[in-house]
Amino acid sequence: MGGIDYADLVQEGRIGLWLAILHFDPARGYAFSTYAWVAIRHRLWRAHFYADRVEDDKNEVAEAWLELVKEIEEDWWQQHVRQALLEVVEKLPARLGQLIRLAYGLDGRGPYSLASIGRQWGISRERMRQLHNAALVLLRLPALSMQLRSLCERDSREAYQQALSLNRAWQRSRRGR
């Protein structure tokens, strides 16, 4: 029967027999063997049904634990990435660091648009875009972003080469203006 051990089934049969002995009423007119057979069979099917339910419950519990572990892992990862990002942003020049904190909501408040930050600082949205791009270029530098890159598993040689080529392309586009 399903995933139940033979020894467990034998024990359930014995319990069924014992219950049949306790509850048998000869006044009803049935033979004891007929009554005992039904009681034992009922006990075995009940054990089989219970084992299936326990197995389903185990699966549900395992899935719930797996979900909880994933949530904890995600929270841990987000906290460490956020901490590493804040440390990198602190290494930027003050104005660029403040721009990144405001633009991405790293200061605990919601993210602001570049236009609204520009209005606060009294400069155009275009100049804010230029400063934002300059900050992102600095954040891509391997010297600044080593810890963040290792957390995000982007610390391979290829990832560094890609970041350097993005920085060079951005610098070439700035020279062409």
N, C-alpha and C. Protein backbone atom coordinates (compact mmCIF):
# COMPACT_ATOMS: atom_id res chain seq x y z
N MET A 1 0.84 -1.19 0.00
CA MET A 1 0.00 0.00 0.00
C MET A 1 0.87 1.24 0.00
N GLY A 2 0.90 1.96 -1.07
CA GLY A 2 1.58 3.24 -1.13
C GLY A 2 2.96 3.23 -0.54
N GLY A 3 3.25 4.22 0.31
CA GLY A 3 4.56 4.37 0.90
C GLY A 3 4.62 3.92 2.34
N ILE A 4 3.75 2.97 2.73
CA ILE A 4 3.71 2.51 4.12
C ILE A 4 4.55 1.24 4.23
N ASP A 5 5.36 1.15 5.27
CA ASP A 5 6.18 -0.05 5.50
C ASP A 5 5.28 -1.23 5.85
N TYR A 6 5.77 -2.44 5.54
CA TYR A 6 5.03 -3.67 5.84
C TYR A 6 4.82 -3.80 7.34
N ALA A 7 5.83 -3.49 8.13
CA ALA A 7 5.71 -3.60 9.59
C ALA A 7 4.63 -2.66 10.12
N ASP A 8 4.53 -1.48 9.54
CA ASP A 8 3.49 -0.54 9.96
C ASP A 8 2.11 -1.07 9.62
N LEU A 9 1.99 -1.70 8.44
CA LEU A 9 0.70 -2.27 8.06
C LEU A 9 0.31 -3.43 8.99
N VAL A 10 1.27 -4.25 9.35
CA VAL A 10 1.00 -5.35 10.28
C VAL A 10 0.51 -4.77 11.61
N GLN A 11 1.19 -3.73 12.09
CA GLN A 11 0.79 -3.12 13.36
C GLN A 11 -0.62 -2.54 13.27
N GLU A 12 -0.94 -1.88 12.14
CA GLU A 12 -2.28 -1.34 11.95
C GLU A 12 -3.31 -2.47 11.94
N GLY A 13 -2.96 -3.60 11.30
CA GLY A 13 -3.87 -4.76 11.31
C GLY A 13 -4.10 -5.28 12.71
N ARG A 14 -3.05 -5.33 13.52
CA ARG A 14 -3.20 -5.78 14.91
C ARG A 14 -4.09 -4.83 15.70
N ILE A 15 -3.90 -3.51 15.47
CA ILE A 15 -4.76 -2.53 16.15
C ILE A 15 -6.21 -2.72 15.72
N GLY A 16 -6.42 -2.95 14.41
CA GLY A 16 -7.77 -3.21 13.92
C GLY A 16 -8.37 -4.45 14.57
N LEU A 17 -7.59 -5.52 14.72
CA LEU A 17 -8.06 -6.74 15.38
C LEU A 17 -8.41 -6.46 16.84
N TRP A 18 -7.56 -5.74 17.51
CA TRP A 18 -7.82 -5.41 18.92
C TRP A 18 -9.10 -4.57 19.06
N LEU A 19 -9.29 -3.61 18.18
CA LEU A 19 -10.52 -2.81 18.22
C LEU A 19 -11.74 -3.67 17.93
N ALA A 20 -11.58 -4.66 17.01
CA ALA A 20 -12.69 -5.58 16.72
C ALA A 20 -13.05 -6.40 17.95
N ILE A 21 -12.04 -6.86 18.68
CA ILE A 21 -12.28 -7.63 19.91
C ILE A 21 -13.03 -6.77 20.92
N LEU A 22 -12.59 -5.51 21.06
CA LEU A 22 -13.21 -4.63 22.05
C LEU A 22 -14.66 -4.27 21.70
N HIS A 23 -14.96 -4.11 20.43
CA HIS A 23 -16.27 -3.61 20.03
C HIS A 23 -17.21 -4.67 19.48
N PHE A 24 -16.79 -5.93 19.43
CA PHE A 24 -17.65 -6.98 18.86
C PHE A 24 -18.87 -7.19 19.75
N ASP A 25 -20.04 -7.26 19.10
CA ASP A 25 -21.29 -7.51 19.81
C ASP A 25 -21.95 -8.75 19.20
N PRO A 26 -21.84 -9.90 19.87
CA PRO A 26 -22.41 -11.13 19.29
C PRO A 26 -23.93 -11.07 19.15
N ALA A 27 -24.59 -10.14 19.83
CA ALA A 27 -26.04 -10.06 19.77
C ALA A 27 -26.51 -9.60 18.40
N ARG A 28 -25.66 -9.03 17.60
CA ARG A 28 -26.06 -8.56 16.27
C ARG A 28 -26.19 -9.69 15.26
N GLY A 29 -25.65 -10.83 15.59
CA GLY A 29 -25.85 -11.98 14.72
C GLY A 29 -24.77 -12.20 13.69
N TYR A 30 -23.69 -11.48 13.72
CA TYR A 30 -22.59 -11.67 12.78
C TYR A 30 -21.52 -12.56 13.39
N ALA A 31 -20.78 -13.26 12.54
CA ALA A 31 -19.63 -14.04 13.01
C ALA A 31 -18.50 -13.07 13.34
N PHE A 32 -17.67 -13.43 14.32
CA PHE A 32 -16.56 -12.56 14.71
C PHE A 32 -15.61 -12.34 13.54
N SER A 33 -15.34 -13.40 12.75
CA SER A 33 -14.40 -13.27 11.63
C SER A 33 -14.89 -12.24 10.61
N THR A 34 -16.18 -12.18 10.36
CA THR A 34 -16.73 -11.19 9.43
C THR A 34 -16.54 -9.79 9.97
N TYR A 35 -16.86 -9.62 11.26
CA TYR A 35 -16.72 -8.30 11.89
C TYR A 35 -15.25 -7.88 11.96
N ALA A 36 -14.37 -8.84 12.35
CA ALA A 36 -12.94 -8.52 12.47
C ALA A 36 -12.35 -8.15 11.11
N TRP A 37 -12.75 -8.90 10.04
CA TRP A 37 -12.22 -8.61 8.72
C TRP A 37 -12.56 -7.19 8.29
N VAL A 38 -13.75 -6.74 8.50
CA VAL A 38 -14.16 -5.39 8.13
C VAL A 38 -13.39 -4.36 8.96
N ALA A 39 -13.25 -4.61 10.27
CA ALA A 39 -12.54 -3.67 11.15
C ALA A 39 -11.07 -3.55 10.76
N ILE A 40 -10.43 -4.68 10.46
CA ILE A 40 -9.01 -4.67 10.07
C ILE A 40 -8.84 -3.95 8.73
N ARG A 41 -9.72 -4.30 7.75
CA ARG A 41 -9.64 -3.66 6.44
C ARG A 41 -9.85 -2.15 6.57
N HIS A 42 -10.80 -1.72 7.39
CA HIS A 42 -11.05 -0.29 7.62
C HIS A 42 -9.82 0.38 8.21
N ARG A 43 -9.18 -0.29 9.16
CA ARG A 43 -7.98 0.28 9.80
C ARG A 43 -6.83 0.42 8.80
N LEU A 44 -6.68 -0.57 7.93
CA LEU A 44 -5.60 -0.51 6.93
C LEU A 44 -5.85 0.61 5.91
N TRP A 45 -7.09 0.75 5.45
CA TRP A 45 -7.39 1.82 4.50
C TRP A 45 -7.24 3.19 5.15
N ARG A 46 -7.63 3.27 6.43
CA ARG A 46 -7.46 4.52 7.16
C ARG A 46 -5.98 4.88 7.27
N ALA A 47 -5.14 3.87 7.55
CA ALA A 47 -3.69 4.11 7.63
C ALA A 47 -3.15 4.56 6.28
N HIS A 48 -3.62 3.94 5.21
CA HIS A 48 -3.18 4.33 3.87
C HIS A 48 -3.58 5.77 3.56
N PHE A 49 -4.83 6.13 3.86
CA PHE A 49 -5.31 7.49 3.63
C PHE A 49 -4.52 8.49 4.46
N TYR A 50 -4.27 8.16 5.72
CA TYR A 50 -3.52 9.05 6.61
C TYR A 50 -2.09 9.23 6.11
N ALA A 51 -1.47 8.16 5.62
CA ALA A 51 -0.09 8.25 5.10
C ALA A 51 -0.04 9.18 3.90
N ASP A 52 -1.06 9.09 3.02
CA ASP A 52 -1.11 9.99 1.86
C ASP A 52 -1.27 11.44 2.31
N ARG A 53 -2.13 11.67 3.32
CA ARG A 53 -2.33 13.02 3.83
C ARG A 53 -1.05 13.56 4.45
N VAL A 54 -0.37 12.70 5.22
CA VAL A 54 0.89 13.12 5.85
C VAL A 54 1.91 13.45 4.77
N GLU A 55 1.95 12.65 3.72
CA GLU A 55 2.89 12.91 2.63
C GLU A 55 2.57 14.23 1.95
N ASP A 56 1.28 14.50 1.72
CA ASP A 56 0.87 15.78 1.13
C ASP A 56 1.23 16.94 2.06
N ASP A 57 0.98 16.75 3.36
CA ASP A 57 1.32 17.78 4.34
C ASP A 57 2.82 18.04 4.36
N LYS A 58 3.61 16.96 4.26
CA LYS A 58 5.07 17.12 4.24
C LYS A 58 5.48 17.94 3.02
N ASN A 59 4.85 17.66 1.87
CA ASN A 59 5.17 18.42 0.67
C ASN A 59 4.80 19.88 0.83
N GLU A 60 3.63 20.13 1.42
CA GLU A 60 3.21 21.52 1.63
C GLU A 60 4.14 22.23 2.59
N VAL A 61 4.54 21.55 3.66
CA VAL A 61 5.46 22.14 4.63
C VAL A 61 6.82 22.41 3.98
N ALA A 62 7.28 21.44 3.19
CA ALA A 62 8.57 21.62 2.50
C ALA A 62 8.51 22.80 1.54
N GLU A 63 7.41 22.93 0.81
CA GLU A 63 7.27 24.06 -0.11
C GLU A 63 7.21 25.38 0.64
N ALA A 64 6.52 25.39 1.79
CA ALA A 64 6.44 26.62 2.58
C ALA A 64 7.82 27.00 3.11
N TRP A 65 8.58 26.01 3.58
CA TRP A 65 9.94 26.28 4.07
C TRP A 65 10.83 26.77 2.94
N LEU A 66 10.70 26.16 1.79
CA LEU A 66 11.51 26.58 0.64
C LEU A 66 11.19 28.01 0.26
N GLU A 67 9.92 28.37 0.27
CA GLU A 67 9.51 29.74 -0.02
C GLU A 67 10.07 30.71 1.01
N LEU A 68 10.01 30.32 2.28
CA LEU A 68 10.54 31.16 3.35
C LEU A 68 12.05 31.36 3.20
N VAL A 69 12.76 30.28 2.87
CA VAL A 69 14.22 30.38 2.67
C VAL A 69 14.53 31.30 1.49
N LYS A 70 13.74 31.20 0.43
CA LYS A 70 13.96 32.08 -0.73
C LYS A 70 13.74 33.54 -0.35
N GLU A 71 12.70 33.81 0.44
CA GLU A 71 12.44 35.18 0.88
C GLU A 71 13.57 35.71 1.75
N ILE A 72 14.06 34.89 2.67
CA ILE A 72 15.16 35.30 3.55
C ILE A 72 16.41 35.55 2.72
N GLU A 73 16.67 34.66 1.78
CA GLU A 73 17.85 34.82 0.92
C GLU A 73 17.75 36.09 0.09
N GLU A 74 16.57 36.36 -0.44
CA GLU A 74 16.35 37.57 -1.24
C GLU A 74 16.54 38.82 -0.38
N ASP A 75 15.98 38.82 0.83
CA ASP A 75 16.15 39.96 1.73
C ASP A 75 17.62 40.18 2.06
N TRP A 76 18.32 39.08 2.37
CA TRP A 76 19.76 39.18 2.69
C TRP A 76 20.51 39.76 1.50
N TRP A 77 20.22 39.24 0.31
CA TRP A 77 20.92 39.71 -0.88
C TRP A 77 20.64 41.18 -1.11
N GLN A 78 19.38 41.59 -1.00
CA GLN A 78 19.04 42.99 -1.22
C GLN A 78 19.72 43.90 -0.21
N GLN A 79 19.78 43.48 1.04
CA GLN A 79 20.43 44.30 2.06
C GLN A 79 21.91 44.44 1.78
N HIS A 80 22.57 43.34 1.41
CA HIS A 80 24.01 43.41 1.14
C HIS A 80 24.31 44.20 -0.13
N VAL A 81 23.49 44.02 -1.15
CA VAL A 81 23.70 44.79 -2.38
C VAL A 81 23.45 46.27 -2.11
N ARG A 82 22.41 46.58 -1.35
CA ARG A 82 22.12 47.97 -1.01
C ARG A 82 23.27 48.58 -0.22
N GLN A 83 23.80 47.83 0.75
CA GLN A 83 24.91 48.33 1.56
C GLN A 83 26.15 48.57 0.68
N ALA A 84 26.44 47.62 -0.20
CA ALA A 84 27.59 47.77 -1.10
C ALA A 84 27.38 48.95 -2.04
N LEU A 85 26.17 49.12 -2.53
CA LEU A 85 25.88 50.25 -3.42
C LEU A 85 26.03 51.57 -2.68
N LEU A 86 25.55 51.65 -1.45
CA LEU A 86 25.71 52.88 -0.67
C LEU A 86 27.18 53.19 -0.41
N GLU A 87 27.98 52.15 -0.16
CA GLU A 87 29.41 52.36 0.05
C GLU A 87 30.08 52.89 -1.21
N VAL A 88 29.68 52.36 -2.36
CA VAL A 88 30.25 52.83 -3.63
C VAL A 88 29.82 54.27 -3.90
N VAL A 89 28.56 54.58 -3.65
CA VAL A 89 28.05 55.93 -3.89
C VAL A 89 28.76 56.93 -2.98
N GLU A 90 29.12 56.51 -1.78
CA GLU A 90 29.85 57.40 -0.86
C GLU A 90 31.23 57.78 -1.41
N LYS A 91 31.79 56.95 -2.27
CA LYS A 91 33.12 57.21 -2.84
C LYS A 91 33.06 58.19 -4.02
N LEU A 92 31.85 58.42 -4.54
CA LEU A 92 31.69 59.37 -5.64
C LEU A 92 31.87 60.80 -5.12
N PRO A 93 32.16 61.74 -6.03
CA PRO A 93 32.14 63.14 -5.61
C PRO A 93 30.77 63.48 -5.00
N ALA A 94 30.76 64.42 -4.06
CA ALA A 94 29.57 64.69 -3.25
C ALA A 94 28.33 64.95 -4.11
N ARG A 95 28.46 65.78 -5.11
CA ARG A 95 27.29 66.15 -5.93
C ARG A 95 26.77 64.96 -6.73
N LEU A 96 27.68 64.16 -7.29
CA LEU A 96 27.24 62.99 -8.06
C LEU A 96 26.64 61.92 -7.13
N GLY A 97 27.22 61.78 -5.95
CA GLY A 97 26.66 60.84 -4.98
C GLY A 97 25.26 61.22 -4.56
N GLN A 98 25.06 62.50 -4.33
CA GLN A 98 23.73 62.97 -3.94
C GLN A 98 22.75 62.77 -5.09
N LEU A 99 23.18 63.01 -6.31
CA LEU A 99 22.33 62.81 -7.48
C LEU A 99 21.87 61.35 -7.56
N ILE A 100 22.80 60.41 -7.41
CA ILE A 100 22.46 58.98 -7.49
C ILE A 100 21.51 58.59 -6.35
N ARG A 101 21.79 59.09 -5.15
CA ARG A 101 20.90 58.77 -4.01
C ARG A 101 19.48 59.28 -4.26
N LEU A 102 19.36 60.50 -4.80
CA LEU A 102 18.03 61.06 -5.06
C LEU A 102 17.35 60.37 -6.25
N ALA A 103 18.10 60.12 -7.31
CA ALA A 103 17.52 59.55 -8.53
C ALA A 103 17.02 58.12 -8.31
N TYR A 104 17.67 57.36 -7.44
CA TYR A 104 17.28 55.97 -7.23
C TYR A 104 16.63 55.72 -5.87
N GLY A 105 16.39 56.77 -5.10
CA GLY A 105 15.71 56.61 -3.82
C GLY A 105 16.54 55.91 -2.77
N LEU A 106 17.86 56.03 -2.83
CA LEU A 106 18.72 55.34 -1.87
C LEU A 106 18.75 56.02 -0.51
N ASP A 107 18.16 57.18 -0.40
CA ASP A 107 18.15 57.90 0.87
C ASP A 107 16.91 57.57 1.69
N GLY A 108 16.13 56.60 1.26
CA GLY A 108 14.94 56.20 2.01
C GLY A 108 13.67 56.83 1.49
N ARG A 109 13.77 57.89 0.76
CA ARG A 109 12.59 58.51 0.14
C ARG A 109 12.42 57.92 -1.25
N GLY A 110 11.33 58.23 -1.89
CA GLY A 110 11.09 57.72 -3.23
C GLY A 110 12.07 58.29 -4.23
N PRO A 111 12.26 57.61 -5.36
CA PRO A 111 13.16 58.15 -6.38
C PRO A 111 12.57 59.41 -7.02
N TYR A 112 13.45 60.34 -7.32
CA TYR A 112 13.04 61.60 -7.97
C TYR A 112 13.45 61.55 -9.43
N SER A 113 12.71 62.27 -10.27
CA SER A 113 13.09 62.35 -11.67
C SER A 113 14.26 63.33 -11.80
N LEU A 114 14.98 63.19 -12.88
CA LEU A 114 16.11 64.10 -13.11
C LEU A 114 15.63 65.54 -13.24
N ALA A 115 14.46 65.73 -13.82
CA ALA A 115 13.91 67.08 -13.97
C ALA A 115 13.62 67.71 -12.61
N SER A 116 13.04 66.94 -11.70
CA SER A 116 12.72 67.51 -10.38
C SER A 116 14.00 67.79 -9.58
N ILE A 117 15.00 66.93 -9.71
CA ILE A 117 16.28 67.20 -9.03
C ILE A 117 16.91 68.45 -9.63
N GLY A 118 16.84 68.59 -10.95
CA GLY A 118 17.38 69.77 -11.62
C GLY A 118 16.70 71.05 -11.15
N ARG A 119 15.38 70.99 -10.98
CA ARG A 119 14.67 72.17 -10.47
C ARG A 119 15.14 72.51 -9.06
N GLN A 120 15.35 71.50 -8.21
CA GLN A 120 15.83 71.75 -6.85
C GLN A 120 17.21 72.39 -6.87
N TRP A 121 18.06 71.93 -7.78
CA TRP A 121 19.44 72.43 -7.83
C TRP A 121 19.58 73.67 -8.71
N GLY A 122 18.54 74.01 -9.46
CA GLY A 122 18.59 75.19 -10.30
C GLY A 122 19.34 74.97 -11.60
N ILE A 123 19.35 73.74 -12.12
CA ILE A 123 20.01 73.47 -13.40
C ILE A 123 19.04 72.71 -14.29
N SER A 124 19.36 72.63 -15.58
CA SER A 124 18.45 72.03 -16.55
C SER A 124 18.43 70.50 -16.43
N ARG A 125 17.37 69.95 -17.01
CA ARG A 125 17.25 68.50 -17.01
C ARG A 125 18.36 67.88 -17.84
N GLU A 126 18.76 68.52 -18.92
CA GLU A 126 19.83 68.01 -19.78
C GLU A 126 21.14 67.93 -19.01
N ARG A 127 21.44 68.96 -18.23
CA ARG A 127 22.67 68.94 -17.42
C ARG A 127 22.59 67.82 -16.37
N MET A 128 21.38 67.60 -15.83
CA MET A 128 21.20 66.51 -14.87
C MET A 128 21.46 65.17 -15.53
N ARG A 129 21.00 65.02 -16.77
CA ARG A 129 21.24 63.77 -17.50
C ARG A 129 22.73 63.56 -17.71
N GLN A 130 23.45 64.64 -18.02
CA GLN A 130 24.89 64.53 -18.22
C GLN A 130 25.59 64.13 -16.91
N LEU A 131 25.19 64.76 -15.82
CA LEU A 131 25.78 64.40 -14.52
C LEU A 131 25.44 62.96 -14.13
N HIS A 132 24.21 62.56 -14.41
CA HIS A 132 23.78 61.19 -14.12
C HIS A 132 24.63 60.19 -14.90
N ASN A 133 24.83 60.45 -16.20
CA ASN A 133 25.68 59.56 -17.01
C ASN A 133 27.11 59.53 -16.49
N ALA A 134 27.62 60.66 -16.08
CA ALA A 134 28.99 60.70 -15.54
C ALA A 134 29.08 59.87 -14.26
N ALA A 135 28.06 59.95 -13.42
CA ALA A 135 28.05 59.16 -12.18
C ALA A 135 28.00 57.67 -12.49
N LEU A 136 27.19 57.29 -13.47
CA LEU A 136 27.10 55.87 -13.83
C LEU A 136 28.41 55.35 -14.40
N VAL A 137 29.10 56.18 -15.17
CA VAL A 137 30.41 55.78 -15.69
C VAL A 137 31.38 55.52 -14.54
N LEU A 138 31.38 56.41 -13.56
CA LEU A 138 32.26 56.21 -12.41
C LEU A 138 31.87 54.96 -11.62
N LEU A 139 30.59 54.69 -11.51
CA LEU A 139 30.14 53.51 -10.78
C LEU A 139 30.52 52.21 -11.48
N ARG A 140 30.73 52.26 -12.80
CA ARG A 140 31.14 51.07 -13.54
C ARG A 140 32.61 50.74 -13.36
N LEU A 141 33.40 51.69 -12.88
CA LEU A 141 34.84 51.45 -12.77
C LEU A 141 35.10 50.29 -11.81
N PRO A 142 35.94 49.33 -12.22
CA PRO A 142 36.20 48.18 -11.36
C PRO A 142 36.76 48.55 -9.99
N ALA A 143 37.53 49.60 -9.91
CA ALA A 143 38.10 49.99 -8.62
C ALA A 143 37.02 50.39 -7.62
N LEU A 144 35.94 50.98 -8.10
CA LEU A 144 34.86 51.39 -7.21
C LEU A 144 33.84 50.28 -6.98
N SER A 145 33.61 49.48 -7.98
CA SER A 145 32.48 48.56 -7.92
C SER A 145 32.86 47.11 -7.65
N MET A 146 34.05 46.84 -7.14
CA MET A 146 34.50 45.47 -6.96
C MET A 146 33.57 44.67 -6.03
N GLN A 147 33.25 45.21 -4.86
CA GLN A 147 32.40 44.49 -3.92
C GLN A 147 30.99 44.28 -4.48
N LEU A 148 30.46 45.31 -5.08
CA LEU A 148 29.12 45.21 -5.67
C LEU A 148 29.10 44.18 -6.79
N ARG A 149 30.13 44.20 -7.62
CA ARG A 149 30.21 43.24 -8.72
C ARG A 149 30.31 41.80 -8.21
N SER A 150 31.05 41.59 -7.14
CA SER A 150 31.18 40.22 -6.62
C SER A 150 29.84 39.74 -6.05
N LEU A 151 29.07 40.62 -5.43
CA LEU A 151 27.75 40.23 -4.93
C LEU A 151 26.80 39.87 -6.05
N CYS A 152 26.91 40.58 -7.16
CA CYS A 152 26.02 40.35 -8.30
C CYS A 152 26.60 39.34 -9.28
N GLU A 153 27.72 38.73 -8.92
CA GLU A 153 28.40 37.74 -9.75
C GLU A 153 28.73 38.30 -11.14
N ARG A 154 29.18 39.54 -11.14
CA ARG A 154 29.61 40.19 -12.38
C ARG A 154 31.08 40.59 -12.26
N ASP A 155 31.87 39.78 -11.54
CA ASP A 155 33.25 40.13 -11.30
C ASP A 155 34.23 39.33 -12.16
N SER A 156 33.74 38.78 -13.26
CA SER A 156 34.62 38.05 -14.16
C SER A 156 35.38 39.03 -15.06
N ARG A 157 36.39 38.53 -15.70
CA ARG A 157 37.19 39.35 -16.60
C ARG A 157 36.33 39.90 -17.74
N GLU A 158 35.41 39.06 -18.24
CA GLU A 158 34.54 39.50 -19.34
C GLU A 158 33.64 40.65 -18.89
N ALA A 159 33.13 40.56 -17.67
CA ALA A 159 32.25 41.62 -17.16
C ALA A 159 33.02 42.93 -17.02
N TYR A 160 34.27 42.84 -16.54
CA TYR A 160 35.10 44.05 -16.43
C TYR A 160 35.39 44.63 -17.81
N GLN A 161 35.69 43.76 -18.77
CA GLN A 161 35.96 44.22 -20.12
C GLN A 161 34.72 44.91 -20.71
N GLN A 162 33.55 44.34 -20.45
CA GLN A 162 32.32 44.95 -20.94
C GLN A 162 32.11 46.32 -20.30
N ALA A 163 32.36 46.45 -19.01
CA ALA A 163 32.20 47.74 -18.33
C ALA A 163 33.19 48.76 -18.88
N LEU A 164 34.43 48.34 -19.10
CA LEU A 164 35.42 49.26 -19.65
C LEU A 164 35.05 49.69 -21.07
N SER A 165 34.54 48.76 -21.87
CA SER A 165 34.16 49.14 -23.24
C SER A 165 32.95 50.10 -23.21
N LEU A 166 32.02 49.91 -22.28
CA LEU A 166 30.91 50.85 -22.15
C LEU A 166 31.41 52.24 -21.75
N ASN A 167 32.36 52.28 -20.82
CA ASN A 167 32.93 53.56 -20.41
C ASN A 167 33.65 54.24 -21.56
N ARG A 168 34.43 53.47 -22.30
CA ARG A 168 35.16 54.06 -23.44
C ARG A 168 34.20 54.58 -24.50
N ALA A 169 33.14 53.82 -24.78
CA ALA A 169 32.15 54.25 -25.77
C ALA A 169 31.48 55.54 -25.30
N TRP A 170 31.18 55.63 -24.02
CA TRP A 170 30.55 56.84 -23.50
C TRP A 170 31.51 58.02 -23.61
N GLN A 171 32.79 57.79 -23.30
CA GLN A 171 33.78 58.87 -23.40
C GLN A 171 33.98 59.31 -24.84
N ARG A 172 33.98 58.35 -25.78
CA ARG A 172 34.11 58.72 -27.21
C ARG A 172 32.91 59.55 -27.65
N SER A 173 31.71 59.18 -27.17
CA SER A 173 30.53 59.94 -27.58
C SER A 173 30.59 61.36 -26.99
N ARG A 174 31.18 61.54 -25.85
CA ARG A 174 31.31 62.87 -25.25
C ARG A 174 32.32 63.71 -26.02
N ARG A 175 33.39 63.09 -26.49
CA ARG A 175 34.41 63.83 -27.25
C ARG A 175 33.87 64.31 -28.58
N GLY A 176 32.94 63.54 -29.15
CA GLY A 176 32.39 63.87 -30.48
C GLY A 176 31.46 65.07 -30.44
N ARG A 177 31.08 65.54 -29.30
CA ARG A 177 30.12 66.66 -29.21
C ARG A 177 30.77 67.96 -29.50
